[in-house]
Amino acid sequence: MRRFTVAVAAWLGLAATTLAGCSSASHAPSAGAAATSSSTSGATNTPSGSPTTTTTDTAAFTALQSRYHAQLGLYALDTGSGRTVAFQADQRFASCSTIKALAAAELLHRETDAQLNQTITYSAADLVDYSPVTSQHVAGGMSLTAVMTAAVEVSDNAALNLMLNQLGGPPALQSALRGLNDPTTNADRTEPTVNSAVPGDVRDTSTPRALAEDLRAYALGDVLTPQRRAMLTGWLTANTTGGPYIRAAVPPGWTVGDKTGNGDYGTRNDIAVLWPPHRAPIVIAVLSNRGAKDASSGDALIADATRVALQGLGT
């Protein structure tokens, strides 16, 4: 797609107004075996000293797998205490649309203000299934920031492809993640094949631990400037697709910023930053699949697994 620098579209102006009140860093924005340990990747918020160690009920996660006839992976980190809860945290799952949050975050890291404000033009041929925002702007295009907003807040699929094109393709995103000390996450394809989730295919896969640590680095660490972190956390907290998942499991009064994903083989994912009142944020990634190509996703599994993880963190 060609790119032209022009004035920011009115749609972007609305998005910028929405984001203006967001705070950043570790404060809440406005508006296999299970165990605990300290985190090492991107550990900008992990306290120094010995980590708190505890035991989580592995049987509870295993029982959830059995109840939902699913494979489950989970990694949760309390950035204040350094305590983690992990269940099959290093097992690969299809990333699906969770990768949209990382692609948007990397553009925030890499692009200048002028580049974020440029208009991205595309044609109807560039639209794919589920492109509710980009499909309305074929004639005039969208600012890059508006594309990023659509990708994270609405999970617009064509928006992911436009972001990847801006980055230089999926390999460029993967290279950026390697620079974040993530040797695990693979970015190989665009929408819609990114969601194929074929068992044993390592393309477009990651692990709960890797995705959680990447999200932590971008949303809570110093990879982004405070202003850019505020933009990212603003989009995550304004996400419209996360209601039944991690958001459904957190106590009242918590702020949640998340990005969901789903694909074939009953894949359902959610990655999030949680801001409990008066304490440090929690980062969590919950990934799942059900093994059969046309299986429906066990959506309630995500919330149930989150509840077990939060209990393990002592919340």
Protein backbone atom coordinates (compact mmCIF):
# COMPACT_ATOMS: atom_id res chain seq x y z
CA MET A 1 0.00 0.00 0.00
CA ARG A 2 1.14 3.53 -0.73
CA ARG A 3 1.53 5.96 2.14
CA PHE A 4 0.96 9.67 2.00
CA THR A 5 1.49 12.26 4.73
CA VAL A 6 -1.61 14.41 5.14
CA ALA A 7 -3.61 16.04 7.88
CA VAL A 8 -4.97 13.72 10.54
CA ALA A 9 -8.47 12.50 9.75
CA ALA A 10 -11.39 13.50 11.94
CA TRP A 11 -11.69 9.90 13.07
CA LEU A 12 -8.19 10.17 14.56
CA GLY A 13 -9.13 13.37 16.30
CA LEU A 14 -11.92 11.55 18.09
CA ALA A 15 -9.55 8.76 19.07
CA ALA A 16 -7.00 11.23 20.38
CA THR A 17 -9.66 12.88 22.52
CA THR A 18 -10.57 9.52 24.01
CA LEU A 19 -6.92 8.80 24.84
CA ALA A 20 -6.08 12.17 26.33
CA GLY A 21 -6.96 11.20 29.89
CA CYS A 22 -4.90 8.00 30.01
CA SER A 23 -2.01 7.73 32.44
CA SER A 24 1.00 5.48 31.94
CA ALA A 25 3.66 3.22 33.38
CA SER A 26 2.71 1.07 36.34
CA HIS A 27 -0.36 3.02 37.43
CA ALA A 28 -3.88 2.25 36.35
CA PRO A 29 -4.99 4.29 33.31
CA SER A 30 -7.93 6.48 33.85
CA ALA A 31 -11.41 6.01 32.72
CA GLY A 32 3.12 -27.73 32.55
CA ALA A 33 3.43 -27.62 36.37
CA ALA A 34 1.95 -24.72 38.21
CA ALA A 35 4.38 -22.81 40.37
CA THR A 36 5.43 -19.30 41.29
CA SER A 37 8.75 -17.62 40.65
CA SER A 38 10.24 -14.26 39.76
CA SER A 39 10.27 -13.08 36.15
CA THR A 40 13.44 -12.25 34.27
CA SER A 41 12.39 -11.05 30.80
CA GLY A 42 11.75 -7.32 30.57
CA ALA A 43 11.66 -7.12 34.35
CA THR A 44 11.27 -3.39 34.72
CA ASN A 45 8.76 -3.71 37.55
CA THR A 46 9.95 -6.83 39.37
CA PRO A 47 11.27 -5.94 42.82
CA SER A 48 14.82 -6.76 43.80
CA GLY A 49 15.63 -9.48 46.31
CA SER A 50 14.40 -13.01 46.67
CA PRO A 51 11.09 -13.79 44.95
CA THR A 52 8.08 -14.95 46.87
CA THR A 53 7.53 -18.64 46.26
CA THR A 54 4.27 -20.49 46.69
CA THR A 55 2.42 -23.48 45.29
CA THR A 56 -0.60 -23.19 43.05
CA ASP A 57 -3.22 -25.89 42.75
CA THR A 58 -2.14 -27.60 39.53
CA ALA A 59 -5.15 -29.86 39.87
CA ALA A 60 -7.47 -26.89 39.43
CA PHE A 61 -6.03 -26.05 36.00
CA THR A 62 -6.00 -29.72 34.99
CA ALA A 63 -9.64 -29.99 36.02
CA LEU A 64 -10.48 -26.98 33.85
CA GLN A 65 -8.84 -28.63 30.86
CA SER A 66 -10.93 -31.73 31.47
CA ARG A 67 -14.16 -29.79 31.95
CA TYR A 68 -13.73 -27.78 28.77
CA HIS A 69 -12.06 -30.56 26.72
CA ALA A 70 -9.32 -28.07 25.96
CA GLN A 71 -5.61 -27.41 26.16
CA LEU A 72 -4.79 -24.52 28.46
CA GLY A 73 -1.71 -22.40 28.98
CA LEU A 74 -1.42 -19.58 31.50
CA TYR A 75 1.16 -17.20 32.88
CA ALA A 76 0.43 -14.47 35.42
CA LEU A 77 2.88 -12.08 37.06
CA ASP A 78 2.35 -9.77 40.01
CA THR A 79 4.78 -6.99 39.12
CA GLY A 80 4.87 -5.78 42.71
CA SER A 81 5.89 -8.98 44.47
CA GLY A 82 7.48 -10.78 41.53
CA ARG A 83 5.21 -13.75 42.20
CA THR A 84 4.07 -15.74 39.18
CA VAL A 85 1.51 -18.43 38.47
CA ALA A 86 2.27 -20.67 35.51
CA PHE A 87 0.51 -23.62 33.93
CA GLN A 88 1.99 -24.95 30.69
CA ALA A 89 3.37 -21.45 30.34
CA ASP A 90 6.02 -22.50 27.81
CA GLN A 91 3.74 -24.54 25.57
CA ARG A 92 3.07 -23.11 22.12
CA PHE A 93 -0.38 -21.90 21.13
CA ALA A 94 -1.57 -19.96 18.10
CA SER A 95 -1.29 -16.25 18.89
CA CYS A 96 -4.18 -15.19 16.64
CA SER A 97 -5.33 -11.61 17.22
CA THR A 98 -3.35 -11.09 20.41
CA ILE A 99 -0.50 -10.19 18.04
CA LYS A 100 -2.38 -7.01 17.10
CA ALA A 101 -1.49 -5.47 20.45
CA LEU A 102 2.20 -6.19 19.90
CA ALA A 103 2.17 -4.88 16.33
CA ALA A 104 0.53 -1.64 17.46
CA ALA A 105 2.97 -1.35 20.35
CA GLU A 106 5.96 -1.79 18.07
CA LEU A 107 4.67 0.90 15.73
CA LEU A 108 4.38 3.20 18.74
CA HIS A 109 7.98 2.34 19.53
CA ARG A 110 9.30 2.85 16.01
CA GLU A 111 7.29 5.51 14.22
CA THR A 112 7.58 9.27 14.52
CA ASP A 113 4.58 11.46 15.26
CA ALA A 114 4.48 12.42 11.59
CA GLN A 115 4.39 8.77 10.57
CA LEU A 116 1.61 8.03 13.04
CA ASN A 117 -0.39 10.90 11.55
CA GLN A 118 0.08 9.90 7.91
CA THR A 119 -2.84 8.53 5.95
CA ILE A 120 -2.68 4.87 4.96
CA THR A 121 -4.51 4.22 1.71
CA TYR A 122 -5.84 0.84 0.65
CA SER A 123 -8.45 -0.67 -1.64
CA ALA A 124 -11.49 -2.89 -1.20
CA ALA A 125 -9.29 -5.81 -2.27
CA ASP A 126 -7.29 -5.33 0.94
CA LEU A 127 -10.31 -5.96 3.13
CA VAL A 128 -10.65 -9.37 4.78
CA ASP A 129 -13.32 -11.00 6.89
CA TYR A 130 -14.21 -8.90 9.93
CA SER A 131 -12.98 -5.45 8.99
CA PRO A 132 -15.75 -3.29 10.48
CA VAL A 133 -13.74 -0.06 10.73
CA THR A 134 -11.40 -0.22 7.76
CA SER A 135 -14.30 -1.14 5.46
CA GLN A 136 -15.85 2.26 6.17
CA HIS A 137 -12.78 4.23 5.05
CA VAL A 138 -11.72 2.70 1.74
CA ALA A 139 -12.32 5.91 -0.19
CA GLY A 140 -10.18 8.22 1.91
CA GLY A 141 -7.94 5.90 3.88
CA MET A 142 -7.15 6.18 7.59
CA SER A 143 -4.38 7.67 9.64
CA LEU A 144 -1.93 5.08 10.93
CA THR A 145 -3.03 5.85 14.49
CA ALA A 146 -6.65 5.26 13.52
CA VAL A 147 -5.66 1.92 11.96
CA MET A 148 -3.87 0.95 15.17
CA THR A 149 -6.86 1.98 17.26
CA ALA A 150 -9.17 -0.15 15.12
CA ALA A 151 -6.86 -3.14 15.41
CA VAL A 152 -6.61 -3.09 19.21
CA GLU A 153 -9.98 -1.73 20.29
CA VAL A 154 -12.17 -3.53 17.73
CA SER A 155 -9.82 -6.29 16.47
CA ASP A 156 -10.30 -5.17 12.88
CA ASN A 157 -8.51 -7.77 10.73
CA ALA A 158 -7.58 -5.62 7.75
CA ALA A 159 -6.06 -3.19 10.24
CA LEU A 160 -3.57 -5.85 11.33
CA ASN A 161 -2.45 -6.35 7.73
CA LEU A 162 -2.02 -2.60 7.28
CA MET A 163 0.07 -2.42 10.46
CA LEU A 164 2.22 -5.34 9.37
CA ASN A 165 2.73 -3.70 5.99
CA GLN A 166 3.87 -0.53 7.74
CA LEU A 167 6.33 -2.53 9.85
CA GLY A 168 7.76 -4.31 6.80
CA GLY A 169 5.83 -7.58 7.07
CA PRO A 170 5.47 -10.25 9.76
CA PRO A 171 9.25 -10.99 9.80
CA ALA A 172 9.90 -7.39 10.83
CA LEU A 173 7.55 -7.75 13.79
CA GLN A 174 9.23 -11.00 14.78
CA SER A 175 12.63 -9.32 14.59
CA ALA A 176 11.40 -6.50 16.83
CA LEU A 177 10.18 -9.02 19.39
CA ARG A 178 13.55 -10.74 19.33
CA GLY A 179 14.98 -7.37 20.26
CA LEU A 180 12.68 -7.41 23.31
CA ASN A 181 14.42 -10.56 24.53
CA ASP A 182 11.60 -12.74 23.18
CA PRO A 183 13.16 -15.72 21.36
CA THR A 184 9.83 -17.52 21.20
CA THR A 185 7.05 -15.61 19.44
CA ASN A 186 6.79 -16.34 15.72
CA ALA A 187 5.16 -13.88 13.32
CA ASP A 188 4.82 -15.38 9.86
CA ARG A 189 1.54 -14.57 8.12
CA THR A 190 -1.21 -12.00 7.76
CA GLU A 191 -4.97 -12.14 8.21
CA PRO A 192 -6.80 -14.44 7.79
CA THR A 193 -4.25 -17.30 7.72
CA VAL A 194 -2.70 -16.10 10.98
CA ASN A 195 -5.68 -17.77 12.65
CA SER A 196 -5.34 -21.26 11.13
CA ALA A 197 -3.94 -22.63 14.43
CA VAL A 198 -3.11 -26.07 13.02
CA PRO A 199 -1.73 -28.28 15.80
CA GLY A 200 2.02 -28.72 15.47
CA ASP A 201 2.42 -25.74 13.10
CA VAL A 202 4.77 -23.30 14.83
CA ARG A 203 3.95 -20.43 12.50
CA ASP A 204 2.25 -17.52 14.24
CA THR A 205 2.57 -19.12 17.65
CA SER A 206 3.83 -18.06 21.03
CA THR A 207 3.61 -19.10 24.66
CA PRO A 208 1.73 -17.57 27.59
CA ARG A 209 5.01 -16.55 29.22
CA ALA A 210 6.38 -14.85 26.09
CA LEU A 211 3.20 -12.92 25.29
CA ALA A 212 2.79 -11.76 28.88
CA GLU A 213 6.39 -10.57 29.06
CA ASP A 214 6.11 -8.76 25.71
CA LEU A 215 2.93 -7.02 26.83
CA ARG A 216 4.61 -6.11 30.09
CA ALA A 217 7.61 -4.60 28.32
CA TYR A 218 5.47 -2.41 26.07
CA ALA A 219 2.66 -1.45 28.48
CA LEU A 220 4.58 -1.17 31.76
CA GLY A 221 8.27 -1.00 30.90
CA ASP A 222 10.44 1.68 29.36
CA VAL A 223 10.31 0.50 25.74
CA LEU A 224 7.77 3.25 25.01
CA THR A 225 7.77 6.84 26.15
CA PRO A 226 5.16 7.73 28.78
CA GLN A 227 2.97 9.36 26.14
CA ARG A 228 3.13 6.34 23.86
CA ARG A 229 2.48 3.96 26.78
CA ALA A 230 -0.62 5.99 27.55
CA MET A 231 -1.81 5.52 23.97
CA LEU A 232 -1.29 1.76 24.14
CA THR A 233 -2.93 1.31 27.53
CA GLY A 234 -5.77 3.54 26.41
CA TRP A 235 -6.50 1.23 23.48
CA LEU A 236 -6.21 -1.88 25.65
CA THR A 237 -8.58 -0.57 28.29
CA ALA A 238 -11.03 0.53 25.58
CA ASN A 239 -11.02 -2.92 23.96
CA THR A 240 -14.56 -3.93 23.00
CA THR A 241 -14.01 -7.68 22.58
CA GLY A 242 -12.84 -8.76 26.05
CA GLY A 243 -15.97 -8.72 28.19
CA PRO A 244 -16.50 -12.48 28.72
CA TYR A 245 -12.84 -13.38 29.25
CA ILE A 246 -10.22 -12.02 31.67
CA ARG A 247 -12.41 -9.00 32.37
CA ALA A 248 -15.18 -11.25 33.65
CA ALA A 249 -12.91 -12.72 36.34
CA VAL A 250 -11.41 -9.65 38.01
CA PRO A 251 -12.82 -8.14 41.21
CA PRO A 252 -14.91 -4.96 41.07
CA GLY A 253 -12.88 -1.79 40.93
CA TRP A 254 -9.99 -3.22 38.91
CA THR A 255 -8.99 -1.69 35.58
CA VAL A 256 -8.33 -4.14 32.73
CA GLY A 257 -6.56 -3.58 29.44
CA ASP A 258 -6.63 -6.64 27.20
CA LYS A 259 -6.41 -8.04 23.68
CA THR A 260 -8.31 -11.16 22.71
CA GLY A 261 -7.74 -13.65 19.90
CA ASN A 262 -9.56 -16.60 18.40
CA GLY A 263 -8.98 -19.05 15.56
CA ASP A 264 -9.55 -22.53 14.24
CA TYR A 265 -9.32 -25.61 16.46
CA GLY A 266 -11.34 -23.88 19.15
CA THR A 267 -8.58 -21.38 19.86
CA ARG A 268 -9.47 -18.66 22.35
CA ASN A 269 -6.89 -16.33 23.91
CA ASP A 270 -6.72 -13.23 26.03
CA ILE A 271 -3.70 -11.27 27.24
CA ALA A 272 -4.05 -8.40 29.67
CA VAL A 273 -2.64 -5.92 32.13
CA LEU A 274 -4.69 -5.67 35.32
CA TRP A 275 -4.52 -2.64 37.60
CA PRO A 276 -5.87 -3.49 41.06
CA PRO A 277 -6.56 -0.52 43.34
CA HIS A 278 -3.59 0.54 45.47
CA ARG A 279 -1.16 -2.11 44.29
CA ALA A 280 1.16 -2.91 41.39
CA PRO A 281 -0.22 -4.19 38.08
CA ILE A 282 -0.64 -7.84 37.18
CA VAL A 283 0.18 -9.14 33.70
CA ILE A 284 -1.58 -12.29 32.51
CA ALA A 285 -1.85 -14.37 29.35
CA VAL A 286 -4.38 -17.18 29.00
CA LEU A 287 -4.24 -19.26 25.79
CA SER A 288 -6.38 -22.25 24.85
CA ASN A 289 -7.54 -24.54 22.05
CA ARG A 290 -9.81 -27.55 21.71
CA GLY A 291 -7.91 -29.62 19.15
CA ALA A 292 -10.56 -30.09 16.44
CA LYS A 293 -10.57 -27.78 13.40
CA ASP A 294 -14.21 -26.75 13.61
CA ALA A 295 -14.52 -26.88 17.40
CA SER A 296 -16.14 -23.94 19.10
CA SER A 297 -14.02 -22.17 21.67
CA GLY A 298 -14.57 -22.84 25.36
CA ASP A 299 -14.88 -19.16 26.15
CA ALA A 300 -15.70 -19.45 29.86
CA LEU A 301 -12.42 -21.32 30.33
CA ILE A 302 -10.50 -18.05 30.08
CA ALA A 303 -12.36 -16.42 32.94
CA ASP A 304 -12.28 -19.57 35.08
CA ALA A 305 -8.53 -19.96 34.60
CA THR A 306 -7.99 -16.30 35.43
CA ARG A 307 -9.84 -16.72 38.73
CA VAL A 308 -7.59 -19.63 39.69
CA ALA A 309 -4.49 -17.61 38.78
CA LEU A 310 -5.57 -14.59 40.80
CA GLN A 311 -6.18 -16.80 43.81
CA GLY A 312 -2.68 -18.20 43.35
CA LEU A 313 -1.28 -14.68 43.39
CA GLY A 314 -3.06 -13.99 46.65
CA THR A 315 -5.44 -11.34 45.35
